C-alpha atoms as a PDB file:
ATOM      1  CA  UNK A   1     -77.233  -4.841  67.751  1.00  0.00           C
ATOM      2  CA  UNK A   2     -73.826  -5.971  68.972  1.00  0.00           C
ATOM      3  CA  UNK A   3     -71.402  -3.212  69.854  1.00  0.00           C
ATOM      4  CA  UNK A   4     -69.085  -4.484  67.118  1.00  0.00           C
ATOM      5  CA  UNK A   5     -70.379  -5.856  63.828  1.00  0.00           C
ATOM      6  CA  UNK A   6     -67.664  -6.902  61.429  1.00  0.00           C
ATOM      7  CA  UNK A   7     -68.134  -8.772  58.174  1.00  0.00           C
ATOM      8  CA  UNK A   8     -65.458 -10.172  55.900  1.00  0.00           C
ATOM      9  CA  UNK A   9     -66.343 -10.489  52.217  1.00  0.00           C
ATOM     10  CA  UNK A  10     -64.179 -12.329  49.706  1.00  0.00           C
ATOM     11  CA  UNK A  11     -64.518 -11.036  46.144  1.00  0.00           C
ATOM     12  CA  UNK A  12     -65.336 -13.824  43.713  1.00  0.00           C
ATOM     13  CA  UNK A  13     -62.192 -15.318  42.216  1.00  0.00           C
ATOM     14  CA  UNK A  14     -59.975 -14.280  45.148  1.00  0.00           C
ATOM     15  CA  UNK A  15     -58.049 -17.228  46.587  1.00  0.00           C
ATOM     16  CA  UNK A  16     -57.248 -16.916  50.269  1.00  0.00           C
ATOM     17  CA  UNK A  17     -53.888 -18.147  51.523  1.00  0.00           C
ATOM     18  CA  UNK A  18     -53.713 -21.297  53.638  1.00  0.00           C
ATOM     19  CA  UNK A  19     -54.701 -20.697  57.272  1.00  0.00           C
ATOM     20  CA  UNK A  20     -56.784 -17.621  56.424  1.00  0.00           C
ATOM     21  CA  UNK A  21     -60.555 -17.504  56.575  1.00  0.00           C
ATOM     22  CA  UNK A  22     -63.255 -14.841  56.701  1.00  0.00           C
ATOM     23  CA  UNK A  23     -64.201 -16.042  60.187  1.00  0.00           C
ATOM     24  CA  UNK A  24     -60.639 -15.541  61.442  1.00  0.00           C
ATOM     25  CA  UNK A  25     -60.537 -12.030  59.956  1.00  0.00           C
ATOM     26  CA  UNK A  26     -63.847 -11.185  61.653  1.00  0.00           C
ATOM     27  CA  UNK A  27     -62.600 -12.524  65.018  1.00  0.00           C
ATOM     28  CA  UNK A  28     -59.389 -10.520  64.695  1.00  0.00           C
ATOM     29  CA  UNK A  29     -61.352  -7.384  63.801  1.00  0.00           C
ATOM     30  CA  UNK A  30     -63.621  -7.729  66.829  1.00  0.00           C
ATOM     31  CA  UNK A  31     -60.597  -8.266  69.074  1.00  0.00           C
ATOM     32  CA  UNK A  32     -58.796  -5.174  67.757  1.00  0.00           C
ATOM     33  CA  UNK A  33     -61.863  -2.945  68.052  1.00  0.00           C
ATOM     34  CA  UNK A  34     -62.513  -4.217  71.586  1.00  0.00           C
ATOM     35  CA  UNK A  35     -58.945  -3.213  72.481  1.00  0.00           C
ATOM     36  CA  UNK A  36     -58.665   0.175  70.756  1.00  0.00           C
ATOM     37  CA  UNK A  37     -62.085   1.105  69.372  1.00  0.00           C
ATOM     38  CA  UNK A  38     -63.247   3.143  72.337  1.00  0.00           C
ATOM     39  CA  UNK A  39     -66.910   3.677  73.127  1.00  0.00           C
ATOM     40  CA  UNK A  40     -69.838   3.360  70.802  1.00  0.00           C
ATOM     41  CA  UNK A  41     -70.889   0.874  68.187  1.00  0.00           C
ATOM     42  CA  UNK A  42     -68.918  -0.215  65.139  1.00  0.00           C
ATOM     43  CA  UNK A  43     -69.957  -1.539  61.733  1.00  0.00           C
ATOM     44  CA  UNK A  44     -66.999  -2.595  59.578  1.00  0.00           C
ATOM     45  CA  UNK A  45     -66.729  -4.518  56.335  1.00  0.00           C
ATOM     46  CA  UNK A  46     -63.410  -6.078  55.311  1.00  0.00           C
ATOM     47  CA  UNK A  47     -63.215  -6.820  51.593  1.00  0.00           C
ATOM     48  CA  UNK A  48     -60.543  -9.269  50.436  1.00  0.00           C
ATOM     49  CA  UNK A  49     -59.799  -8.815  46.739  1.00  0.00           C
ATOM     50  CA  UNK A  50     -57.053  -8.903  44.118  1.00  0.00           C
ATOM     51  CA  UNK A  51     -54.521  -6.401  42.814  1.00  0.00           C
ATOM     52  CA  UNK A  52     -56.571  -5.239  39.822  1.00  0.00           C
ATOM     53  CA  UNK A  53     -59.598  -4.302  41.924  1.00  0.00           C
ATOM     54  CA  UNK A  54     -57.588  -2.472  44.591  1.00  0.00           C
ATOM     55  CA  UNK A  55     -55.490  -0.702  41.956  1.00  0.00           C
ATOM     56  CA  UNK A  56     -58.719   0.591  40.391  1.00  0.00           C
ATOM     57  CA  UNK A  57     -59.887   1.907  43.775  1.00  0.00           C
ATOM     58  CA  UNK A  58     -56.473   3.488  44.359  1.00  0.00           C
ATOM     59  CA  UNK A  59     -56.757   5.237  40.983  1.00  0.00           C
ATOM     60  CA  UNK A  60     -60.398   6.269  41.448  1.00  0.00           C
ATOM     61  CA  UNK A  61     -60.163   7.593  45.000  1.00  0.00           C
ATOM     62  CA  UNK A  62     -56.578   8.810  45.336  1.00  0.00           C
ATOM     63  CA  UNK A  63     -55.612   9.451  41.723  1.00  0.00           C
ATOM     64  CA  UNK A  64     -52.647   7.084  42.048  1.00  0.00           C
ATOM     65  CA  UNK A  65     -52.363   4.403  39.357  1.00  0.00           C
ATOM     66  CA  UNK A  66     -50.265   1.888  41.276  1.00  0.00           C
ATOM     67  CA  UNK A  67     -50.870  -1.295  43.193  1.00  0.00           C
ATOM     68  CA  UNK A  68     -51.297  -1.001  46.929  1.00  0.00           C
ATOM     69  CA  UNK A  69     -51.953  -3.435  49.750  1.00  0.00           C
ATOM     70  CA  UNK A  70     -54.767  -1.872  51.789  1.00  0.00           C
ATOM     71  CA  UNK A  71     -57.173   1.048  51.589  1.00  0.00           C
ATOM     72  CA  UNK A  72     -59.512   2.272  54.298  1.00  0.00           C
ATOM     73  CA  UNK A  73     -62.792   4.085  53.709  1.00  0.00           C
ATOM     74  CA  UNK A  74     -64.249   5.517  56.943  1.00  0.00           C
ATOM     75  CA  UNK A  75     -68.014   5.915  57.039  1.00  0.00           C
ATOM     76  CA  UNK A  76     -68.797   9.585  56.766  1.00  0.00           C
ATOM     77  CA  UNK A  77     -72.301   9.273  58.155  1.00  0.00           C
ATOM     78  CA  UNK A  78     -72.757   5.842  59.692  1.00  0.00           C
ATOM     79  CA  UNK A  79     -76.455   5.060  59.962  1.00  0.00           C
ATOM     80  CA  UNK A  80     -76.210   1.975  62.147  1.00  0.00           C
ATOM     81  CA  UNK A  81     -73.221   2.867  64.309  1.00  0.00           C
ATOM     82  CA  UNK A  82     -71.103   5.557  65.851  1.00  0.00           C
ATOM     83  CA  UNK A  83     -68.024   4.361  63.915  1.00  0.00           C
ATOM     84  CA  UNK A  84     -67.213   2.201  60.956  1.00  0.00           C
ATOM     85  CA  UNK A  85     -66.216   1.893  57.372  1.00  0.00           C
ATOM     86  CA  UNK A  86     -64.724  -0.422  54.811  1.00  0.00           C
ATOM     87  CA  UNK A  87     -61.256  -1.906  54.606  1.00  0.00           C
ATOM     88  CA  UNK A  88     -60.178  -3.298  51.232  1.00  0.00           C
ATOM     89  CA  UNK A  89     -57.138  -5.589  51.177  1.00  0.00           C
ATOM     90  CA  UNK A  90     -55.307  -7.050  48.198  1.00  0.00           C
ATOM     91  CA  UNK A  91     -54.705 -10.721  48.923  1.00  0.00           C
ATOM     92  CA  UNK A  92     -52.341 -10.795  45.920  1.00  0.00           C
ATOM     93  CA  UNK A  93     -50.223  -8.025  47.421  1.00  0.00           C
ATOM     94  CA  UNK A  94     -50.244  -9.659  50.859  1.00  0.00           C
ATOM     95  CA  UNK A  95     -48.954 -12.883  49.316  1.00  0.00           C
ATOM     96  CA  UNK A  96     -46.290 -11.057  47.280  1.00  0.00           C
ATOM     97  CA  UNK A  97     -44.874  -8.957  50.114  1.00  0.00           C
ATOM     98  CA  UNK A  98     -45.177 -11.420  53.020  1.00  0.00           C
ATOM     99  CA  UNK A  99     -41.720 -12.955  52.428  1.00  0.00           C
ATOM    100  CA  UNK A 100     -40.163  -9.467  52.559  1.00  0.00           C
ATOM    101  CA  UNK A 101     -41.308  -9.239  56.180  1.00  0.00           C
ATOM    102  CA  UNK A 102     -40.620 -12.860  57.126  1.00  0.00           C
ATOM    103  CA  UNK A 103     -44.343 -13.609  57.350  1.00  0.00           C
ATOM    104  CA  UNK A 104     -46.712 -16.107  55.832  1.00  0.00           C
ATOM    105  CA  UNK A 105     -49.357 -14.726  53.496  1.00  0.00           C
ATOM    106  CA  UNK A 106     -52.017 -15.311  56.188  1.00  0.00           C
ATOM    107  CA  UNK A 107     -49.936 -13.370  58.738  1.00  0.00           C
ATOM    108  CA  UNK A 108     -49.430 -10.474  56.317  1.00  0.00           C
ATOM    109  CA  UNK A 109     -53.158 -10.453  55.585  1.00  0.00           C
ATOM    110  CA  UNK A 110     -53.851 -10.094  59.326  1.00  0.00           C
ATOM    111  CA  UNK A 111     -51.267  -7.313  59.551  1.00  0.00           C
ATOM    112  CA  UNK A 112     -52.952  -5.373  56.734  1.00  0.00           C
ATOM    113  CA  UNK A 113     -56.424  -5.809  58.238  1.00  0.00           C
ATOM    114  CA  UNK A 114     -55.191  -4.474  61.588  1.00  0.00           C
ATOM    115  CA  UNK A 115     -53.543  -1.557  59.768  1.00  0.00           C
ATOM    116  CA  UNK A 116     -56.877  -0.664  58.193  1.00  0.00           C
ATOM    117  CA  UNK A 117     -58.698  -1.001  61.513  1.00  0.00           C
ATOM    118  CA  UNK A 118     -56.236   1.332  63.211  1.00  0.00           C
ATOM    119  CA  UNK A 119     -56.854   3.912  60.482  1.00  0.00           C
ATOM    120  CA  UNK A 120     -60.606   3.611  61.166  1.00  0.00           C
ATOM    121  CA  UNK A 121     -59.776   4.214  64.850  1.00  0.00           C
ATOM    122  CA  UNK A 122     -58.056   7.472  63.917  1.00  0.00           C
ATOM    123  CA  UNK A 123     -54.428   6.380  63.788  1.00  0.00           C
ATOM    124  CA  UNK A 124     -52.263   8.115  61.209  1.00  0.00           C
ATOM    125  CA  UNK A 125     -49.021   7.036  59.557  1.00  0.00           C
ATOM    126  CA  UNK A 126     -48.199  10.212  57.647  1.00  0.00           C
ATOM    127  CA  UNK A 127     -44.808  10.691  59.308  1.00  0.00           C
ATOM    128  CA  UNK A 128     -41.987   8.204  59.874  1.00  0.00           C
ATOM    129  CA  UNK A 129     -42.490   8.455  63.642  1.00  0.00           C
ATOM    130  CA  UNK A 130     -46.270   7.945  63.428  1.00  0.00           C
ATOM    131  CA  UNK A 131     -45.801   5.031  61.008  1.00  0.00           C
ATOM    132  CA  UNK A 132     -43.299   3.335  63.325  1.00  0.00           C
ATOM    133  CA  UNK A 133     -45.707   3.737  66.260  1.00  0.00           C
ATOM    134  CA  UNK A 134     -48.607   2.367  64.220  1.00  0.00           C
ATOM    135  CA  UNK A 135     -46.597  -0.640  63.009  1.00  0.00           C
ATOM    136  CA  UNK A 136     -45.578  -1.430  66.584  1.00  0.00           C
ATOM    137  CA  UNK A 137     -49.198  -1.173  67.737  1.00  0.00           C
ATOM    138  CA  UNK A 138     -50.192  -3.574  64.950  1.00  0.00           C
ATOM    139  CA  UNK A 139     -47.509  -6.031  66.014  1.00  0.00           C
ATOM    140  CA  UNK A 140     -48.571  -5.873  69.678  1.00  0.00           C
ATOM    141  CA  UNK A 141     -52.277  -6.293  68.874  1.00  0.00           C
ATOM    142  CA  UNK A 142     -51.644  -9.315  66.666  1.00  0.00           C
ATOM    143  CA  UNK A 143     -49.360 -10.876  69.287  1.00  0.00           C
ATOM    144  CA  UNK A 144     -52.056 -10.368  71.946  1.00  0.00           C
ATOM    145  CA  UNK A 145     -54.705 -11.852  69.631  1.00  0.00           C
ATOM    146  CA  UNK A 146     -52.534 -14.849  68.786  1.00  0.00           C
ATOM    147  CA  UNK A 147     -51.774 -15.549  72.458  1.00  0.00           C
ATOM    148  CA  UNK A 148     -55.292 -15.360  73.871  1.00  0.00           C
ATOM    149  CA  UNK A 149     -56.176 -18.016  76.377  1.00  0.00           C
ATOM    150  CA  UNK A 150     -58.548 -20.708  75.052  1.00  0.00           C
ATOM    151  CA  UNK A 151     -60.696 -20.030  78.137  1.00  0.00           C
ATOM    152  CA  UNK A 152     -60.799 -16.309  77.294  1.00  0.00           C
ATOM    153  CA  UNK A 153     -61.141 -15.906  73.508  1.00  0.00           C
END
């Protein structure tokens, strides 16, 4: 088994923004985990869905009946790996909030996926200071991913 196994699933009926694909999300995930995932093996599933589905998960697991953009579910007892879990992202929410951050919907989608991956790696954003540090780490990881050399993907 590869050290990092990442799969992106698109829930039926979910339309991805232009310039976004499951393959790109998987490549980004591998890159991030290679940079910050530490030792051991990883198995991660990224689920791209809509607002209604993620709102239901938010209600079921956190007791909060509001829309959200990303939720992370770490594996409690990974069978195939040392680390892993599921990241569920609302494509609808990414598209809605992208302009607020001066991003395209595809860029916001990448930002949310990296946010979920950092949570799986143990990062926390419970305080303003921790959130600012996590957002900066996301920005730096995405910039590094976007500027990889074609000879060194």
